[in-house]
Every structure is written in structure tokens, then in C-alpha cells.
Amino acid sequence: MRNTISTCLLAIGILLIAIGFILGFALSTDEYGDFQIVIALYWWISAIISGFLFIGLAEIVNLLQKLLDKNSGETQSIQSVSSSKHEESVVNDAIAFPNIGEIDTEESETKIKDLTILIDNERVKGEFWITKSNLRIMKKSMFQTDTDAQLVKVITKSNLSSNYVRNKDYIIFSFVEGNNNHKLAFKTHNIYDYERIVKLLK
């Protein structure tokens, strides 16, 4: 559907053509009553040029409005999909880890970004989301938002060993899950983050 500006421009263009043709017929007779085609063509051609100029502008405005509407619709669709994914992720997290919702609302959360994380032999690029009692390991690239991050594992901090070892660029902790011992290692490009993370995990 055309917007107001496009409709007005189109109407002006059609009106100019109509008026030009009427004036061409009305003013193209000489004093002897003979029809002068040259005078008529002058009015008609002028009317056609002026009218189509306005009609062309109307079409440009109409096309721009359609593009704007299309982009607006795509943006709303993307936001809707992103919101749906986030809600689905929250529901899945709540089912798999029923205490996570309580942790998010009751405890502050510290996020450590740009980590390379090893869980036993599984390597993940992502972040640590650390609360007072839990560590959440999130898979997330630098181009993703927090809502697109994928939960890899939740580790209760009481299950983490109090001691750690350092192997080259990696800090290595052990943690207990069920009756089994597992290894958690991480490295970061920011050397100042190591001490901070170790303190947060204890």
C-alpha cells in the first residue's frame, strides 16, 4: 500500500498530464479557428514530461517504503527467533539444572570472556559465568551475544579442588561429578585474568 507522499506525487503527476492535454486542445487554435498541432504538442509534451517526473518520484518513494517495511519485518522476525531461542534455552536449563534460576536471581554473576576451556578431552571456546556457589561453562564465540551462548556444563564450586596446577598457559583444576574425577583446564589471552579467575573459583 502506498504511503501519503507517494500517493500525492502520483496524483500530481496524473493531474499535470490531464491539465496539459486539456490546455493543449484549448489553446492550440489560432484566431481563424484552425487547430495548431505545434502549439498542442508543446503543451502535451510539457505535460507528459512534468507528469512522468512526479509519477517517477512517486514510484521511488513507494519502492523505498517497501524496502523499509521489508527490513523492518526481517528485523522483527530475527528478534522473535532470538527471543524464542533464549526462552527455549532458559527452559532447557531449568529442566536440566533446576537450581540455576535461583542462582541467577539470588546471586551476582561474573563473566570471564575469551577463554579456551578443556573439560577432560573436550575443548571449548567460551566463557566462565561464575556465581558464589556455581561455575557455568558457556560455549560462545566473540561474535555471539549472551543470549546465543550454549550451556556446556554446570559445576558446583564445592566439587572443585582447592588446589590447582599450571601447565604452560593452562590452569588445571580437578572436580568431582558423581563418583568420577574430571579435569577442568583453561587459558586466557589476558594474563591478569588468571589470578582473578582462581580467586573466583575458590
C-alpha atoms as a PDB file:
ATOM      1  CA  MET A   1       0.000   0.000   0.000  1.00  0.00           C
ATOM      2  CA  ARG A   2       1.314   3.442  -0.953  1.00  0.00           C
ATOM      3  CA  ASN A   3       2.141   5.976   1.716  1.00  0.00           C
ATOM      4  CA  THR A   4       0.729   9.501   1.697  1.00  0.00           C
ATOM      5  CA  ILE A   5       3.703  11.166  -0.023  1.00  0.00           C
ATOM      6  CA  SER A   6       3.786   8.601  -2.844  1.00  0.00           C
ATOM      7  CA  THR A   7       0.026   8.911  -3.368  1.00  0.00           C
ATOM      8  CA  CYS A   8       0.198  12.734  -3.511  1.00  0.00           C
ATOM      9  CA  LEU A   9       3.079  12.701  -6.006  1.00  0.00           C
ATOM     10  CA  LEU A  10       1.247  10.192  -8.209  1.00  0.00           C
ATOM     11  CA  ALA A  11      -1.926  12.294  -8.125  1.00  0.00           C
ATOM     12  CA  ILE A  12       0.006  15.463  -9.032  1.00  0.00           C
ATOM     13  CA  GLY A  13       1.660  13.675 -11.966  1.00  0.00           C
ATOM     14  CA  ILE A  14      -1.632  12.397 -13.362  1.00  0.00           C
ATOM     15  CA  LEU A  15      -3.267  15.805 -12.817  1.00  0.00           C
ATOM     16  CA  LEU A  16      -0.458  17.606 -14.689  1.00  0.00           C
ATOM     17  CA  ILE A  17      -0.823  15.292 -17.675  1.00  0.00           C
ATOM     18  CA  ALA A  18      -4.591  15.711 -17.736  1.00  0.00           C
ATOM     19  CA  ILE A  19      -4.392  19.523 -17.446  1.00  0.00           C
ATOM     20  CA  GLY A  20      -1.685  19.658 -20.120  1.00  0.00           C
ATOM     21  CA  PHE A  21      -3.794  17.731 -22.612  1.00  0.00           C
ATOM     22  CA  ILE A  22      -6.846  19.893 -21.893  1.00  0.00           C
ATOM     23  CA  LEU A  23      -4.825  23.112 -22.310  1.00  0.00           C
ATOM     24  CA  GLY A  24      -3.246  21.700 -25.450  1.00  0.00           C
ATOM     25  CA  PHE A  25      -6.670  21.318 -27.037  1.00  0.00           C
ATOM     26  CA  ALA A  26      -7.984  24.614 -25.647  1.00  0.00           C
ATOM     27  CA  LEU A  27      -5.052  26.856 -26.580  1.00  0.00           C
ATOM     28  CA  SER A  28      -3.931  25.363 -29.866  1.00  0.00           C
ATOM     29  CA  THR A  29      -6.495  27.103 -32.084  1.00  0.00           C
ATOM     30  CA  ASP A  30      -5.467  30.312 -33.800  1.00  0.00           C
ATOM     31  CA  GLU A  31      -7.552  33.412 -34.408  1.00  0.00           C
ATOM     32  CA  TYR A  32      -9.062  31.816 -37.500  1.00  0.00           C
ATOM     33  CA  GLY A  33     -10.205  28.750 -35.554  1.00  0.00           C
ATOM     34  CA  ASP A  34      -7.601  26.435 -37.102  1.00  0.00           C
ATOM     35  CA  PHE A  35      -6.031  23.745 -34.927  1.00  0.00           C
ATOM     36  CA  GLN A  36      -2.269  24.310 -34.493  1.00  0.00           C
ATOM     37  CA  ILE A  37      -0.615  20.954 -33.839  1.00  0.00           C
ATOM     38  CA  VAL A  38       2.721  22.584 -32.889  1.00  0.00           C
ATOM     39  CA  ILE A  39       1.116  24.526 -30.038  1.00  0.00           C
ATOM     40  CA  ALA A  40      -0.780  21.432 -28.919  1.00  0.00           C
ATOM     41  CA  LEU A  41       2.410  19.340 -28.948  1.00  0.00           C
ATOM     42  CA  TYR A  42       4.172  21.989 -26.857  1.00  0.00           C
ATOM     43  CA  TRP A  43       1.552  21.685 -24.124  1.00  0.00           C
ATOM     44  CA  TRP A  44       1.230  17.903 -24.406  1.00  0.00           C
ATOM     45  CA  ILE A  45       4.959  17.184 -24.299  1.00  0.00           C
ATOM     46  CA  SER A  46       5.458  19.612 -21.394  1.00  0.00           C
ATOM     47  CA  ALA A  47       2.589  17.958 -19.536  1.00  0.00           C
ATOM     48  CA  ILE A  48       3.906  14.443 -20.176  1.00  0.00           C
ATOM     49  CA  ILE A  49       7.440  15.332 -19.032  1.00  0.00           C
ATOM     50  CA  SER A  50       6.220  17.101 -15.887  1.00  0.00           C
ATOM     51  CA  GLY A  51       3.648  14.429 -15.094  1.00  0.00           C
ATOM     52  CA  PHE A  52       6.002  11.484 -15.506  1.00  0.00           C
ATOM     53  CA  LEU A  53       8.610  13.257 -13.400  1.00  0.00           C
ATOM     54  CA  PHE A  54       6.168  13.304 -10.485  1.00  0.00           C
ATOM     55  CA  ILE A  55       4.988   9.755 -11.225  1.00  0.00           C
ATOM     56  CA  GLY A  56       8.618   8.578 -11.212  1.00  0.00           C
ATOM     57  CA  LEU A  57       9.227  10.268  -7.869  1.00  0.00           C
ATOM     58  CA  ALA A  58       6.075   8.596  -6.537  1.00  0.00           C
ATOM     59  CA  GLU A  59       7.362   5.163  -7.584  1.00  0.00           C
ATOM     60  CA  ILE A  60      10.767   5.825  -5.983  1.00  0.00           C
ATOM     61  CA  VAL A  61       9.122   6.801  -2.699  1.00  0.00           C
ATOM     62  CA  ASN A  62       6.871   3.730  -2.913  1.00  0.00           C
ATOM     63  CA  LEU A  63       9.828   1.382  -3.515  1.00  0.00           C
ATOM     64  CA  LEU A  64      11.778   2.911  -0.628  1.00  0.00           C
ATOM     65  CA  GLN A  65       8.768   2.420   1.640  1.00  0.00           C
ATOM     66  CA  LYS A  66       8.506  -1.245   0.581  1.00  0.00           C
ATOM     67  CA  LEU A  67      12.213  -1.784   1.315  1.00  0.00           C
ATOM     68  CA  LEU A  68      11.811  -0.140   4.709  1.00  0.00           C
ATOM     69  CA  ASP A  69       8.784  -2.301   5.522  1.00  0.00           C
ATOM     70  CA  LYS A  70      10.631  -5.446   4.399  1.00  0.00           C
ATOM     71  CA  ASN A  71      13.706  -4.662   6.505  1.00  0.00           C
ATOM     72  CA  SER A  72      11.522  -3.832   9.488  1.00  0.00           C
ATOM     73  CA  GLY A  73       9.720  -7.161   9.114  1.00  0.00           C
ATOM     74  CA  GLU A  74      13.006  -9.089   8.884  1.00  0.00           C
ATOM     75  CA  THR A  75      14.341  -7.328  11.987  1.00  0.00           C
ATOM     76  CA  GLN A  76      11.222  -8.215  13.949  1.00  0.00           C
ATOM     77  CA  SER A  77      11.484 -11.817  12.708  1.00  0.00           C
ATOM     78  CA  ILE A  78      15.143 -12.065  13.788  1.00  0.00           C
ATOM     79  CA  GLN A  79      14.318 -10.588  17.191  1.00  0.00           C
ATOM     80  CA  SER A  80      11.428 -13.034  17.539  1.00  0.00           C
ATOM     81  CA  VAL A  81      13.632 -16.026  16.647  1.00  0.00           C
ATOM     82  CA  SER A  82      16.368 -14.833  19.014  1.00  0.00           C
ATOM     83  CA  SER A  83      13.843 -14.364  21.809  1.00  0.00           C
ATOM     84  CA  SER A  84      12.377 -17.814  21.120  1.00  0.00           C
ATOM     85  CA  LYS A  85      15.835 -19.419  21.235  1.00  0.00           C
ATOM     86  CA  HIS A  86      16.621 -17.652  24.500  1.00  0.00           C
ATOM     87  CA  GLU A  87      13.339 -18.774  26.067  1.00  0.00           C
ATOM     88  CA  GLU A  88      13.943 -22.342  24.881  1.00  0.00           C
ATOM     89  CA  SER A  89      17.461 -22.274  26.313  1.00  0.00           C
ATOM     90  CA  VAL A  90      16.151 -20.994  29.651  1.00  0.00           C
ATOM     91  CA  VAL A  91      13.512 -23.733  29.761  1.00  0.00           C
ATOM     92  CA  ASN A  92      16.067 -26.427  28.917  1.00  0.00           C
ATOM     93  CA  ASP A  93      18.461 -25.114  31.555  1.00  0.00           C
ATOM     94  CA  ALA A  94      15.680 -25.063  34.115  1.00  0.00           C
ATOM     95  CA  ILE A  95      14.815 -28.704  33.360  1.00  0.00           C
ATOM     96  CA  ALA A  96      18.398 -29.943  33.358  1.00  0.00           C
ATOM     97  CA  PHE A  97      19.575 -27.742  36.229  1.00  0.00           C
ATOM     98  CA  PRO A  98      16.617 -26.756  38.405  1.00  0.00           C
ATOM     99  CA  ASN A  99      18.740 -24.622  40.746  1.00  0.00           C
ATOM    100  CA  ILE A 100      20.124 -22.358  38.025  1.00  0.00           C
ATOM    101  CA  GLY A 101      17.152 -19.992  38.073  1.00  0.00           C
ATOM    102  CA  GLU A 102      17.574 -19.494  41.808  1.00  0.00           C
ATOM    103  CA  ILE A 103      21.270 -18.830  41.369  1.00  0.00           C
ATOM    104  CA  ASP A 104      20.726 -16.170  38.675  1.00  0.00           C
ATOM    105  CA  THR A 105      18.175 -14.267  40.696  1.00  0.00           C
ATOM    106  CA  GLU A 106      19.793 -14.547  44.101  1.00  0.00           C
ATOM    107  CA  GLU A 107      23.498 -14.289  43.303  1.00  0.00           C
ATOM    108  CA  SER A 108      25.550 -11.896  41.270  1.00  0.00           C
ATOM    109  CA  GLU A 109      27.324 -13.399  38.295  1.00  0.00           C
ATOM    110  CA  THR A 110      30.820 -12.642  36.999  1.00  0.00           C
ATOM    111  CA  LYS A 111      31.551 -13.371  33.344  1.00  0.00           C
ATOM    112  CA  ILE A 112      35.076 -14.109  32.136  1.00  0.00           C
ATOM    113  CA  LYS A 113      35.303 -13.930  28.352  1.00  0.00           C
ATOM    114  CA  ASP A 114      37.623 -15.205  25.600  1.00  0.00           C
ATOM    115  CA  LEU A 115      38.697 -18.445  27.259  1.00  0.00           C
ATOM    116  CA  THR A 116      39.952 -21.699  25.824  1.00  0.00           C
ATOM    117  CA  ILE A 117      38.479 -24.375  28.080  1.00  0.00           C
ATOM    118  CA  LEU A 118      39.292 -28.083  28.362  1.00  0.00           C
ATOM    119  CA  ILE A 119      36.847 -30.422  30.116  1.00  0.00           C
ATOM    120  CA  ASP A 120      38.716 -33.729  30.183  1.00  0.00           C
ATOM    121  CA  ASN A 121      39.429 -34.083  26.433  1.00  0.00           C
ATOM    122  CA  GLU A 122      36.681 -31.764  25.198  1.00  0.00           C
ATOM    123  CA  ARG A 123      37.871 -28.351  24.021  1.00  0.00           C
ATOM    124  CA  VAL A 124      35.553 -25.338  24.093  1.00  0.00           C
ATOM    125  CA  LYS A 125      35.916 -21.675  23.148  1.00  0.00           C
ATOM    126  CA  GLY A 126      33.782 -19.702  25.507  1.00  0.00           C
ATOM    127  CA  GLU A 127      33.288 -18.110  28.891  1.00  0.00           C
ATOM    128  CA  PHE A 128      33.082 -18.790  32.614  1.00  0.00           C
ATOM    129  CA  TRP A 129      29.937 -17.462  34.276  1.00  0.00           C
ATOM    130  CA  ILE A 130      30.785 -17.598  37.967  1.00  0.00           C
ATOM    131  CA  THR A 131      28.488 -17.131  40.939  1.00  0.00           C
ATOM    132  CA  LYS A 132      29.135 -17.605  44.633  1.00  0.00           C
ATOM    133  CA  SER A 133      28.313 -21.312  44.515  1.00  0.00           C
ATOM    134  CA  ASN A 134      28.448 -22.386  40.861  1.00  0.00           C
ATOM    135  CA  LEU A 135      30.529 -22.250  37.722  1.00  0.00           C
ATOM    136  CA  ARG A 136      28.733 -22.305  34.404  1.00  0.00           C
ATOM    137  CA  ILE A 137      30.803 -23.097  31.323  1.00  0.00           C
ATOM    138  CA  MET A 138      29.298 -21.445  28.260  1.00  0.00           C
ATOM    139  CA  LYS A 139      30.215 -22.084  24.639  1.00  0.00           C
ATOM    140  CA  LYS A 140      30.259 -18.700  22.926  1.00  0.00           C
ATOM    141  CA  SER A 141      32.210 -17.058  20.110  1.00  0.00           C
ATOM    142  CA  MET A 142      33.278 -13.437  20.228  1.00  0.00           C
ATOM    143  CA  PHE A 143      30.594 -12.577  17.648  1.00  0.00           C
ATOM    144  CA  GLN A 144      27.700 -14.067  19.628  1.00  0.00           C
ATOM    145  CA  THR A 145      25.563 -12.347  22.229  1.00  0.00           C
ATOM    146  CA  ASP A 146      24.977 -13.768  25.705  1.00  0.00           C
ATOM    147  CA  THR A 147      21.534 -14.982  24.645  1.00  0.00           C
ATOM    148  CA  ASP A 148      23.142 -17.160  21.943  1.00  0.00           C
ATOM    149  CA  ALA A 149      25.658 -18.750  24.337  1.00  0.00           C
ATOM    150  CA  GLN A 150      25.265 -22.507  24.844  1.00  0.00           C
ATOM    151  CA  LEU A 151      25.486 -24.056  28.274  1.00  0.00           C
ATOM    152  CA  VAL A 152      28.138 -26.809  28.302  1.00  0.00           C
ATOM    153  CA  LYS A 153      28.352 -27.722  31.977  1.00  0.00           C
ATOM    154  CA  VAL A 154      27.453 -26.524  35.454  1.00  0.00           C
ATOM    155  CA  ILE A 155      29.985 -27.301  38.179  1.00  0.00           C
ATOM    156  CA  THR A 156      29.283 -26.719  41.852  1.00  0.00           C
ATOM    157  CA  LYS A 157      32.273 -24.871  43.287  1.00  0.00           C
ATOM    158  CA  SER A 158      32.308 -27.146  46.327  1.00  0.00           C
ATOM    159  CA  ASN A 159      33.132 -30.012  43.931  1.00  0.00           C
ATOM    160  CA  LEU A 160      36.204 -28.193  42.594  1.00  0.00           C
ATOM    161  CA  SER A 161      39.562 -28.993  44.105  1.00  0.00           C
ATOM    162  CA  SER A 162      41.014 -26.238  46.258  1.00  0.00           C
ATOM    163  CA  ASN A 163      44.412 -26.698  44.630  1.00  0.00           C
ATOM    164  CA  TYR A 164      45.390 -26.319  41.009  1.00  0.00           C
ATOM    165  CA  VAL A 165      48.413 -26.899  38.812  1.00  0.00           C
ATOM    166  CA  ARG A 166      49.800 -24.835  35.979  1.00  0.00           C
ATOM    167  CA  ASN A 167      50.876 -26.412  32.714  1.00  0.00           C
ATOM    168  CA  LYS A 168      52.320 -23.842  30.331  1.00  0.00           C
ATOM    169  CA  ASP A 169      49.403 -21.474  29.562  1.00  0.00           C
ATOM    170  CA  TYR A 170      46.759 -23.625  31.259  1.00  0.00           C
ATOM    171  CA  ILE A 171      45.459 -23.553  34.823  1.00  0.00           C
ATOM    172  CA  ILE A 172      44.175 -27.025  35.717  1.00  0.00           C
ATOM    173  CA  PHE A 173      41.608 -27.875  38.379  1.00  0.00           C
ATOM    174  CA  SER A 174      40.032 -31.215  39.150  1.00  0.00           C
ATOM    175  CA  PHE A 175      36.386 -31.640  40.074  1.00  0.00           C
ATOM    176  CA  VAL A 176      34.118 -34.445  41.196  1.00  0.00           C
ATOM    177  CA  GLU A 177      30.989 -35.384  39.292  1.00  0.00           C
ATOM    178  CA  GLY A 178      29.137 -38.379  40.622  1.00  0.00           C
ATOM    179  CA  ASN A 179      31.807 -40.882  41.625  1.00  0.00           C
ATOM    180  CA  ASN A 180      34.279 -39.779  38.972  1.00  0.00           C
ATOM    181  CA  ASN A 181      37.085 -37.242  38.930  1.00  0.00           C
ATOM    182  CA  HIS A 182      37.357 -34.914  35.955  1.00  0.00           C
ATOM    183  CA  LYS A 183      39.792 -32.297  34.733  1.00  0.00           C
ATOM    184  CA  LEU A 184      38.953 -28.660  34.081  1.00  0.00           C
ATOM    185  CA  ALA A 185      41.635 -26.559  32.411  1.00  0.00           C
ATOM    186  CA  PHE A 186      41.523 -23.095  30.914  1.00  0.00           C
ATOM    187  CA  LYS A 187      43.743 -20.442  29.398  1.00  0.00           C
ATOM    188  CA  THR A 188      43.201 -16.810  28.562  1.00  0.00           C
ATOM    189  CA  HIS A 189      44.966 -14.198  26.459  1.00  0.00           C
ATOM    190  CA  ASN A 190      44.797 -11.721  29.329  1.00  0.00           C
ATOM    191  CA  ILE A 191      47.430 -12.752  31.882  1.00  0.00           C
ATOM    192  CA  TYR A 192      45.769 -10.585  34.534  1.00  0.00           C
ATOM    193  CA  ASP A 193      42.643 -12.763  34.388  1.00  0.00           C
ATOM    194  CA  TYR A 194      44.390 -15.878  35.764  1.00  0.00           C
ATOM    195  CA  GLU A 195      44.625 -14.702  39.366  1.00  0.00           C
ATOM    196  CA  ARG A 196      41.132 -13.237  39.245  1.00  0.00           C
ATOM    197  CA  ILE A 197      39.587 -16.479  37.951  1.00  0.00           C
ATOM    198  CA  VAL A 198      41.418 -18.599  40.516  1.00  0.00           C
ATOM    199  CA  LYS A 199      40.093 -16.403  43.331  1.00  0.00           C
ATOM    200  CA  LEU A 200      36.550 -16.564  41.947  1.00  0.00           C
ATOM    201  CA  LEU A 201      36.654 -20.347  41.687  1.00  0.00           C
ATOM    202  CA  LYS A 202      37.737 -20.828  45.313  1.00  0.00           C
END
